[in-house]
N, C-alpha and C. Protein backbone atom coordinates (compact mmCIF):
# COMPACT_ATOMS: atom_id res chain seq x y z
N MET A 1 4.35 -10.66 31.42
CA MET A 1 4.44 -9.90 30.19
C MET A 1 3.78 -8.54 30.39
N THR A 2 4.37 -7.50 29.84
CA THR A 2 3.79 -6.17 29.96
C THR A 2 2.63 -6.02 28.97
N GLU A 3 1.84 -4.99 29.18
CA GLU A 3 0.71 -4.73 28.28
C GLU A 3 1.18 -4.51 26.85
N LYS A 4 2.27 -3.74 26.66
CA LYS A 4 2.81 -3.49 25.32
C LYS A 4 3.33 -4.78 24.70
N ALA A 5 3.96 -5.64 25.50
CA ALA A 5 4.47 -6.92 24.99
C ALA A 5 3.31 -7.80 24.55
N ASP A 6 2.23 -7.83 25.33
CA ASP A 6 1.03 -8.59 24.95
C ASP A 6 0.44 -8.05 23.66
N GLU A 7 0.36 -6.72 23.54
CA GLU A 7 -0.17 -6.09 22.35
C GLU A 7 0.70 -6.43 21.13
N ASN A 8 2.01 -6.36 21.29
CA ASN A 8 2.92 -6.68 20.20
C ASN A 8 2.81 -8.15 19.79
N ALA A 9 2.68 -9.05 20.76
CA ALA A 9 2.54 -10.47 20.45
C ALA A 9 1.25 -10.72 19.68
N ASP A 10 0.17 -10.07 20.08
CA ASP A 10 -1.11 -10.23 19.36
C ASP A 10 -1.00 -9.68 17.94
N LYS A 11 -0.37 -8.52 17.79
CA LYS A 11 -0.19 -7.95 16.45
C LYS A 11 0.69 -8.84 15.59
N ALA A 12 1.75 -9.37 16.15
CA ALA A 12 2.64 -10.25 15.39
C ALA A 12 1.87 -11.48 14.90
N ARG A 13 1.03 -12.03 15.75
CA ARG A 13 0.20 -13.18 15.35
C ARG A 13 -0.70 -12.81 14.19
N ARG A 14 -1.34 -11.63 14.27
CA ARG A 14 -2.22 -11.19 13.19
C ARG A 14 -1.45 -10.95 11.89
N VAL A 15 -0.23 -10.42 12.00
CA VAL A 15 0.61 -10.22 10.81
C VAL A 15 0.90 -11.56 10.16
N ILE A 16 1.40 -12.51 10.93
CA ILE A 16 1.76 -13.83 10.39
C ILE A 16 0.53 -14.49 9.75
N GLU A 17 -0.60 -14.46 10.43
CA GLU A 17 -1.81 -15.08 9.88
C GLU A 17 -2.24 -14.42 8.58
N ALA A 18 -2.21 -13.09 8.53
CA ALA A 18 -2.65 -12.37 7.33
C ALA A 18 -1.73 -12.63 6.15
N TYR A 19 -0.42 -12.57 6.38
CA TYR A 19 0.53 -12.80 5.28
C TYR A 19 0.50 -14.25 4.82
N ALA A 20 0.43 -15.19 5.75
CA ALA A 20 0.39 -16.61 5.39
C ALA A 20 -0.86 -16.91 4.57
N ALA A 21 -1.99 -16.33 4.96
CA ALA A 21 -3.25 -16.57 4.23
C ALA A 21 -3.16 -16.10 2.78
N LEU A 22 -2.37 -15.06 2.54
CA LEU A 22 -2.22 -14.53 1.18
C LEU A 22 -0.99 -15.09 0.45
N GLY A 23 -0.22 -15.93 1.15
CA GLY A 23 0.98 -16.49 0.55
C GLY A 23 2.08 -15.46 0.34
N LEU A 24 2.12 -14.44 1.20
CA LEU A 24 3.12 -13.37 1.09
C LEU A 24 4.22 -13.55 2.12
N LYS A 25 5.40 -13.06 1.77
CA LYS A 25 6.58 -13.16 2.64
C LYS A 25 7.04 -11.77 3.09
N ILE A 26 7.61 -11.72 4.29
CA ILE A 26 8.06 -10.48 4.94
C ILE A 26 9.58 -10.53 5.14
N ALA A 27 10.21 -9.37 4.94
CA ALA A 27 11.61 -9.17 5.34
C ALA A 27 11.66 -7.94 6.25
N THR A 28 12.63 -7.92 7.13
CA THR A 28 12.83 -6.76 8.01
C THR A 28 14.25 -6.23 7.86
N ALA A 29 14.39 -4.92 8.02
CA ALA A 29 15.71 -4.27 8.08
C ALA A 29 15.65 -3.35 9.30
N GLU A 30 16.36 -3.72 10.36
CA GLU A 30 16.20 -3.04 11.63
C GLU A 30 17.51 -2.47 12.13
N SER A 31 17.43 -1.25 12.64
CA SER A 31 18.57 -0.63 13.28
C SER A 31 18.30 -0.50 14.77
N CYS A 32 17.57 0.52 15.20
CA CYS A 32 17.41 0.77 16.64
C CYS A 32 16.69 -0.35 17.38
N THR A 33 15.91 -1.16 16.69
CA THR A 33 15.21 -2.27 17.34
C THR A 33 16.06 -3.54 17.37
N GLY A 34 17.17 -3.56 16.66
CA GLY A 34 18.11 -4.67 16.74
C GLY A 34 17.51 -6.04 16.47
N GLY A 35 16.51 -6.14 15.64
CA GLY A 35 15.90 -7.43 15.31
C GLY A 35 14.66 -7.76 16.12
N MET A 36 14.16 -6.81 16.89
CA MET A 36 13.00 -7.09 17.74
C MET A 36 11.71 -7.34 16.94
N ILE A 37 11.57 -6.70 15.77
CA ILE A 37 10.39 -6.97 14.93
C ILE A 37 10.47 -8.40 14.41
N ALA A 38 11.65 -8.77 13.90
CA ALA A 38 11.85 -10.14 13.42
C ALA A 38 11.60 -11.14 14.55
N ALA A 39 12.08 -10.83 15.74
CA ALA A 39 11.88 -11.73 16.89
C ALA A 39 10.40 -11.86 17.23
N ALA A 40 9.67 -10.73 17.22
CA ALA A 40 8.24 -10.79 17.52
C ALA A 40 7.51 -11.67 16.51
N LEU A 41 7.89 -11.54 15.24
CA LEU A 41 7.24 -12.34 14.20
C LEU A 41 7.61 -13.81 14.32
N THR A 42 8.87 -14.10 14.57
CA THR A 42 9.30 -15.50 14.62
C THR A 42 8.97 -16.17 15.96
N ASP A 43 8.49 -15.40 16.92
CA ASP A 43 7.97 -16.01 18.16
C ASP A 43 6.65 -16.74 17.89
N ILE A 44 6.02 -16.45 16.77
CA ILE A 44 4.72 -17.04 16.44
C ILE A 44 4.94 -18.39 15.77
N ALA A 45 4.30 -19.42 16.31
CA ALA A 45 4.37 -20.75 15.69
C ALA A 45 3.84 -20.65 14.26
N GLY A 46 4.54 -21.26 13.33
CA GLY A 46 4.13 -21.22 11.93
C GLY A 46 4.60 -20.00 11.18
N SER A 47 5.46 -19.20 11.81
CA SER A 47 5.91 -17.95 11.18
C SER A 47 6.69 -18.19 9.88
N SER A 48 7.25 -19.38 9.72
CA SER A 48 8.01 -19.64 8.49
C SER A 48 7.13 -19.58 7.25
N ALA A 49 5.83 -19.65 7.41
CA ALA A 49 4.92 -19.51 6.27
C ALA A 49 4.88 -18.08 5.75
N ALA A 50 5.36 -17.10 6.56
CA ALA A 50 5.27 -15.70 6.15
C ALA A 50 6.56 -14.91 6.34
N PHE A 51 7.42 -15.34 7.24
CA PHE A 51 8.65 -14.57 7.49
C PHE A 51 9.78 -15.13 6.65
N GLU A 52 10.37 -14.27 5.79
CA GLU A 52 11.42 -14.72 4.88
C GLU A 52 12.81 -14.52 5.47
N ARG A 53 13.12 -13.30 5.93
CA ARG A 53 14.42 -13.04 6.55
C ARG A 53 14.45 -11.68 7.21
N GLY A 54 15.46 -11.50 8.07
CA GLY A 54 15.65 -10.21 8.73
C GLY A 54 17.10 -9.77 8.63
N PHE A 55 17.28 -8.47 8.52
CA PHE A 55 18.61 -7.86 8.49
C PHE A 55 18.72 -6.94 9.70
N VAL A 56 19.70 -7.16 10.55
CA VAL A 56 19.97 -6.23 11.64
C VAL A 56 21.11 -5.36 11.14
N THR A 57 20.76 -4.11 10.80
CA THR A 57 21.71 -3.18 10.18
C THR A 57 21.97 -2.04 11.15
N TYR A 58 22.58 -2.37 12.27
CA TYR A 58 22.78 -1.40 13.34
C TYR A 58 23.81 -0.35 12.97
N SER A 59 24.88 -0.75 12.31
CA SER A 59 25.92 0.21 11.93
C SER A 59 25.66 0.74 10.52
N ASN A 60 26.26 1.88 10.22
CA ASN A 60 26.16 2.42 8.87
C ASN A 60 26.77 1.44 7.86
N GLU A 61 27.86 0.80 8.23
CA GLU A 61 28.50 -0.17 7.35
C GLU A 61 27.55 -1.32 7.02
N ALA A 62 26.80 -1.78 8.00
CA ALA A 62 25.83 -2.86 7.76
C ALA A 62 24.71 -2.38 6.85
N LYS A 63 24.26 -1.15 7.05
CA LYS A 63 23.21 -0.60 6.17
C LYS A 63 23.67 -0.59 4.72
N ILE A 64 24.92 -0.23 4.50
CA ILE A 64 25.48 -0.18 3.15
C ILE A 64 25.64 -1.60 2.59
N ALA A 65 26.30 -2.46 3.34
CA ALA A 65 26.66 -3.80 2.85
C ALA A 65 25.46 -4.73 2.72
N MET A 66 24.54 -4.69 3.66
CA MET A 66 23.46 -5.68 3.68
C MET A 66 22.24 -5.27 2.88
N VAL A 67 21.89 -3.99 2.89
CA VAL A 67 20.66 -3.57 2.20
C VAL A 67 20.89 -2.44 1.21
N GLY A 68 22.14 -2.13 0.93
CA GLY A 68 22.46 -1.21 -0.15
C GLY A 68 22.14 0.25 0.07
N VAL A 69 22.17 0.71 1.32
CA VAL A 69 21.95 2.13 1.57
C VAL A 69 23.11 2.91 0.94
N ASP A 70 22.78 4.00 0.29
CA ASP A 70 23.76 4.85 -0.38
C ASP A 70 24.59 5.60 0.67
N PRO A 71 25.91 5.45 0.66
CA PRO A 71 26.75 6.18 1.62
C PRO A 71 26.54 7.69 1.56
N ALA A 72 26.23 8.22 0.38
CA ALA A 72 25.99 9.66 0.25
C ALA A 72 24.74 10.07 1.04
N SER A 73 23.74 9.22 1.09
CA SER A 73 22.54 9.51 1.88
C SER A 73 22.85 9.52 3.37
N LEU A 74 23.70 8.59 3.79
CA LEU A 74 24.09 8.55 5.19
C LEU A 74 24.84 9.82 5.56
N MET A 75 25.69 10.29 4.68
CA MET A 75 26.45 11.52 4.94
C MET A 75 25.53 12.75 4.92
N ALA A 76 24.64 12.83 3.95
CA ALA A 76 23.79 14.01 3.78
C ALA A 76 22.64 14.06 4.77
N ASP A 77 21.98 12.92 4.99
CA ASP A 77 20.75 12.89 5.78
C ASP A 77 20.92 12.28 7.16
N GLY A 78 21.96 11.47 7.33
CA GLY A 78 22.16 10.75 8.58
C GLY A 78 21.40 9.43 8.57
N ALA A 79 21.82 8.53 9.44
CA ALA A 79 21.20 7.20 9.51
C ALA A 79 19.74 7.28 9.94
N VAL A 80 19.41 8.26 10.75
CA VAL A 80 18.03 8.41 11.23
C VAL A 80 17.36 9.46 10.35
N SER A 81 16.79 8.98 9.24
CA SER A 81 16.17 9.88 8.27
C SER A 81 15.19 9.11 7.40
N GLU A 82 14.30 9.86 6.77
CA GLU A 82 13.35 9.26 5.85
C GLU A 82 14.08 8.58 4.70
N ALA A 83 15.08 9.25 4.13
CA ALA A 83 15.80 8.70 2.98
C ALA A 83 16.41 7.35 3.31
N VAL A 84 17.06 7.25 4.46
CA VAL A 84 17.71 5.99 4.83
C VAL A 84 16.68 4.92 5.16
N ALA A 85 15.60 5.27 5.84
CA ALA A 85 14.55 4.28 6.13
C ALA A 85 13.99 3.71 4.84
N ARG A 86 13.72 4.57 3.87
CA ARG A 86 13.19 4.10 2.57
C ARG A 86 14.20 3.19 1.86
N GLN A 87 15.47 3.58 1.88
CA GLN A 87 16.50 2.76 1.24
C GLN A 87 16.66 1.41 1.94
N MET A 88 16.56 1.41 3.25
CA MET A 88 16.65 0.16 4.00
C MET A 88 15.52 -0.79 3.61
N ALA A 89 14.30 -0.29 3.55
CA ALA A 89 13.16 -1.14 3.20
C ALA A 89 13.27 -1.63 1.75
N GLY A 90 13.59 -0.72 0.85
CA GLY A 90 13.74 -1.12 -0.55
C GLY A 90 14.88 -2.11 -0.73
N GLY A 91 15.98 -1.89 -0.03
CA GLY A 91 17.11 -2.80 -0.12
C GLY A 91 16.80 -4.18 0.44
N ALA A 92 16.06 -4.23 1.55
CA ALA A 92 15.66 -5.52 2.13
C ALA A 92 14.76 -6.27 1.17
N LEU A 93 13.89 -5.55 0.49
CA LEU A 93 13.01 -6.18 -0.49
C LEU A 93 13.83 -6.78 -1.63
N ARG A 94 14.79 -6.01 -2.15
CA ARG A 94 15.63 -6.49 -3.25
C ARG A 94 16.56 -7.63 -2.84
N ALA A 95 17.03 -7.63 -1.58
CA ALA A 95 18.00 -8.61 -1.12
C ALA A 95 17.34 -9.88 -0.57
N SER A 96 16.05 -10.00 -0.74
CA SER A 96 15.32 -11.15 -0.20
C SER A 96 14.33 -11.67 -1.23
N ASN A 97 13.62 -12.69 -0.82
CA ASN A 97 12.52 -13.22 -1.63
C ASN A 97 11.18 -12.78 -1.04
N ALA A 98 11.18 -11.66 -0.35
CA ALA A 98 9.98 -11.16 0.33
C ALA A 98 9.11 -10.36 -0.62
N ASP A 99 7.84 -10.24 -0.24
CA ASP A 99 6.87 -9.42 -0.96
C ASP A 99 6.74 -8.04 -0.34
N VAL A 100 7.02 -7.96 0.96
CA VAL A 100 6.92 -6.72 1.71
C VAL A 100 8.11 -6.65 2.67
N ALA A 101 8.69 -5.44 2.79
CA ALA A 101 9.80 -5.26 3.73
C ALA A 101 9.53 -4.05 4.61
N ILE A 102 9.85 -4.19 5.88
CA ILE A 102 9.70 -3.11 6.84
C ILE A 102 11.09 -2.71 7.34
N SER A 103 11.29 -1.41 7.52
CA SER A 103 12.56 -0.95 8.09
C SER A 103 12.29 0.01 9.23
N VAL A 104 13.27 0.09 10.13
CA VAL A 104 13.18 1.02 11.25
C VAL A 104 14.59 1.51 11.57
N THR A 105 14.71 2.83 11.76
CA THR A 105 15.98 3.44 12.15
C THR A 105 15.66 4.62 13.05
N GLY A 106 16.30 4.68 14.19
CA GLY A 106 15.96 5.75 15.13
C GLY A 106 16.97 5.92 16.23
N ILE A 107 16.62 6.79 17.17
CA ILE A 107 17.47 7.09 18.31
C ILE A 107 16.73 6.65 19.58
N ALA A 108 17.14 5.50 20.10
CA ALA A 108 16.46 4.95 21.28
C ALA A 108 17.02 5.50 22.58
N GLY A 109 18.20 6.09 22.53
CA GLY A 109 18.78 6.69 23.73
C GLY A 109 19.48 5.69 24.60
N PRO A 110 19.92 6.12 25.76
CA PRO A 110 19.62 7.42 26.34
C PRO A 110 20.41 8.57 25.71
N GLY A 111 21.53 8.28 25.08
CA GLY A 111 22.31 9.34 24.42
C GLY A 111 22.08 9.30 22.93
N GLY A 112 22.85 10.11 22.21
CA GLY A 112 22.81 10.09 20.76
C GLY A 112 21.88 11.09 20.11
N GLY A 113 21.04 11.74 20.88
CA GLY A 113 20.12 12.71 20.32
C GLY A 113 20.74 14.08 20.14
N SER A 114 20.05 14.91 19.39
CA SER A 114 20.48 16.30 19.18
C SER A 114 19.22 17.17 19.12
N ALA A 115 19.40 18.46 18.93
CA ALA A 115 18.25 19.36 18.85
C ALA A 115 17.38 19.03 17.64
N THR A 116 17.99 18.64 16.55
CA THR A 116 17.21 18.34 15.33
C THR A 116 16.79 16.88 15.26
N LYS A 117 17.51 16.01 15.94
CA LYS A 117 17.18 14.58 15.97
C LYS A 117 17.23 14.11 17.41
N PRO A 118 16.14 14.35 18.15
CA PRO A 118 16.14 14.03 19.58
C PRO A 118 15.96 12.53 19.84
N VAL A 119 16.32 12.12 21.04
CA VAL A 119 16.02 10.77 21.49
C VAL A 119 14.52 10.55 21.32
N GLY A 120 14.17 9.41 20.77
CA GLY A 120 12.76 9.08 20.53
C GLY A 120 12.32 9.32 19.10
N LEU A 121 13.19 9.89 18.26
CA LEU A 121 12.87 10.07 16.84
C LEU A 121 13.13 8.74 16.13
N VAL A 122 12.13 8.24 15.44
CA VAL A 122 12.25 6.96 14.73
C VAL A 122 11.58 7.09 13.37
N HIS A 123 12.28 6.62 12.34
CA HIS A 123 11.74 6.59 10.98
C HIS A 123 11.47 5.13 10.60
N PHE A 124 10.33 4.93 9.95
CA PHE A 124 9.92 3.61 9.48
C PHE A 124 9.64 3.71 7.99
N ALA A 125 9.87 2.63 7.27
CA ALA A 125 9.43 2.54 5.88
C ALA A 125 8.95 1.12 5.65
N CYS A 126 7.96 1.01 4.79
CA CYS A 126 7.43 -0.28 4.41
C CYS A 126 7.39 -0.28 2.88
N ALA A 127 8.04 -1.25 2.27
CA ALA A 127 8.14 -1.29 0.81
C ALA A 127 7.55 -2.59 0.28
N SER A 128 6.83 -2.45 -0.81
CA SER A 128 6.34 -3.60 -1.57
C SER A 128 6.36 -3.18 -3.03
N PRO A 129 6.23 -4.13 -3.93
CA PRO A 129 6.22 -3.74 -5.34
C PRO A 129 5.08 -2.78 -5.69
N ARG A 130 4.04 -2.75 -4.87
CA ARG A 130 2.88 -1.91 -5.16
C ARG A 130 2.88 -0.57 -4.43
N ASP A 131 3.64 -0.45 -3.34
CA ASP A 131 3.50 0.75 -2.51
C ASP A 131 4.78 0.98 -1.71
N ASP A 132 4.91 2.20 -1.22
CA ASP A 132 6.03 2.58 -0.35
C ASP A 132 5.48 3.54 0.69
N ILE A 133 5.60 3.17 1.95
CA ILE A 133 5.05 3.96 3.05
C ILE A 133 6.19 4.46 3.91
N HIS A 134 6.10 5.71 4.36
CA HIS A 134 7.07 6.24 5.33
C HIS A 134 6.30 6.83 6.50
N VAL A 135 6.78 6.58 7.71
CA VAL A 135 6.20 7.15 8.92
C VAL A 135 7.34 7.67 9.79
N GLU A 136 7.18 8.87 10.30
CA GLU A 136 8.12 9.42 11.28
C GLU A 136 7.38 9.50 12.61
N MET A 137 8.00 8.97 13.65
CA MET A 137 7.42 9.04 14.99
C MET A 137 8.39 9.79 15.90
N ARG A 138 7.82 10.58 16.78
CA ARG A 138 8.59 11.26 17.82
C ARG A 138 8.00 10.82 19.16
N PHE A 139 8.55 9.73 19.67
CA PHE A 139 8.02 9.15 20.90
C PHE A 139 8.38 9.97 22.13
N GLY A 140 9.40 10.80 22.02
CA GLY A 140 9.91 11.50 23.19
C GLY A 140 10.88 10.60 23.93
N ASP A 141 11.47 11.12 24.96
CA ASP A 141 12.47 10.37 25.70
C ASP A 141 11.78 9.51 26.76
N LEU A 142 11.16 8.42 26.30
CA LEU A 142 10.42 7.50 27.18
C LEU A 142 11.33 6.50 27.88
N GLY A 143 12.58 6.46 27.46
CA GLY A 143 13.50 5.43 27.91
C GLY A 143 13.71 4.44 26.78
N ARG A 144 14.89 3.88 26.74
CA ARG A 144 15.30 3.01 25.63
C ARG A 144 14.33 1.85 25.40
N ALA A 145 13.99 1.12 26.44
CA ALA A 145 13.13 -0.06 26.28
C ALA A 145 11.76 0.33 25.75
N ALA A 146 11.19 1.41 26.26
CA ALA A 146 9.86 1.84 25.81
C ALA A 146 9.87 2.31 24.36
N ILE A 147 10.92 3.02 23.97
CA ILE A 147 11.03 3.48 22.57
C ILE A 147 11.15 2.28 21.65
N ARG A 148 11.95 1.32 22.02
CA ARG A 148 12.13 0.14 21.16
C ARG A 148 10.84 -0.67 21.08
N SER A 149 10.15 -0.84 22.20
CA SER A 149 8.89 -1.59 22.20
C SER A 149 7.82 -0.86 21.37
N ALA A 150 7.74 0.45 21.53
CA ALA A 150 6.79 1.23 20.74
C ALA A 150 7.13 1.15 19.25
N SER A 151 8.41 1.09 18.93
CA SER A 151 8.83 0.97 17.54
C SER A 151 8.40 -0.38 16.95
N VAL A 152 8.50 -1.43 17.72
CA VAL A 152 8.01 -2.74 17.26
C VAL A 152 6.52 -2.65 16.96
N CYS A 153 5.78 -2.01 17.85
CA CYS A 153 4.34 -1.86 17.67
C CYS A 153 4.01 -1.13 16.36
N VAL A 154 4.69 -0.03 16.10
CA VAL A 154 4.45 0.72 14.87
C VAL A 154 4.84 -0.11 13.65
N GLY A 155 5.97 -0.80 13.73
CA GLY A 155 6.39 -1.65 12.61
C GLY A 155 5.37 -2.72 12.29
N LEU A 156 4.82 -3.36 13.30
CA LEU A 156 3.79 -4.38 13.08
C LEU A 156 2.52 -3.75 12.50
N ASP A 157 2.16 -2.57 12.99
CA ASP A 157 1.00 -1.86 12.42
C ASP A 157 1.20 -1.58 10.93
N LEU A 158 2.40 -1.16 10.55
CA LEU A 158 2.67 -0.89 9.14
C LEU A 158 2.59 -2.15 8.30
N LEU A 159 3.05 -3.26 8.83
CA LEU A 159 2.92 -4.53 8.10
C LEU A 159 1.45 -4.90 7.92
N LEU A 160 0.64 -4.67 8.94
CA LEU A 160 -0.80 -4.93 8.80
C LEU A 160 -1.43 -4.00 7.77
N GLU A 161 -1.04 -2.74 7.79
CA GLU A 161 -1.54 -1.78 6.80
C GLU A 161 -1.16 -2.20 5.39
N ALA A 162 0.06 -2.64 5.21
CA ALA A 162 0.55 -3.02 3.87
C ALA A 162 -0.21 -4.25 3.35
N VAL A 163 -0.52 -5.20 4.20
CA VAL A 163 -1.20 -6.41 3.74
C VAL A 163 -2.67 -6.11 3.38
N ARG A 164 -3.25 -5.09 3.98
CA ARG A 164 -4.63 -4.72 3.62
C ARG A 164 -4.70 -4.24 2.18
N ASP A 165 -3.57 -3.71 1.67
CA ASP A 165 -3.54 -3.18 0.31
C ASP A 165 -3.17 -4.22 -0.74
N GLN A 166 -2.94 -5.46 -0.31
CA GLN A 166 -2.54 -6.50 -1.25
C GLN A 166 -3.79 -7.15 -1.88
N PRO A 167 -3.67 -7.57 -3.11
CA PRO A 167 -4.81 -8.26 -3.74
C PRO A 167 -5.10 -9.58 -3.00
N THR A 168 -6.34 -9.94 -2.93
CA THR A 168 -6.73 -11.14 -2.21
C THR A 168 -6.98 -12.33 -3.13
N CYS A 169 -6.73 -12.17 -4.41
CA CYS A 169 -6.89 -13.33 -5.32
C CYS A 169 -5.78 -13.35 -6.34
């Protein structure tokens, strides 16, 4: 296992333990990671206590059909944008029985980038009834596998951040 994989596995364990302890459920809506956040979470024994469901919304059509992304946003902002990341997270929350939803949409490469949206640009959103977080990362052109692994790491960090803000009683 690589160092990043070990780090992601440890973070996933901490996410599952924290959410399970509070009785909270997680949903994911993933594009460029193709379900890797959901996989990291469900690799943890006992994850069913905290993981509710995952949506792999790789195509624009899937984003629209599965989590209700507005087609006008896709046209105006593109799939890799703050607006779409927020809609993906909010839609995953509404389409599930989860308390918190994380989304990720980006350009993992090696192709697909442009001057304004280069390879390594990834948008994340984390939605809960109490809060909505957006993070934009520019990892650079590290290679597809490294960008996707780094995206899993950021997604897990956001889930940990979101659970810190939840009431404990």
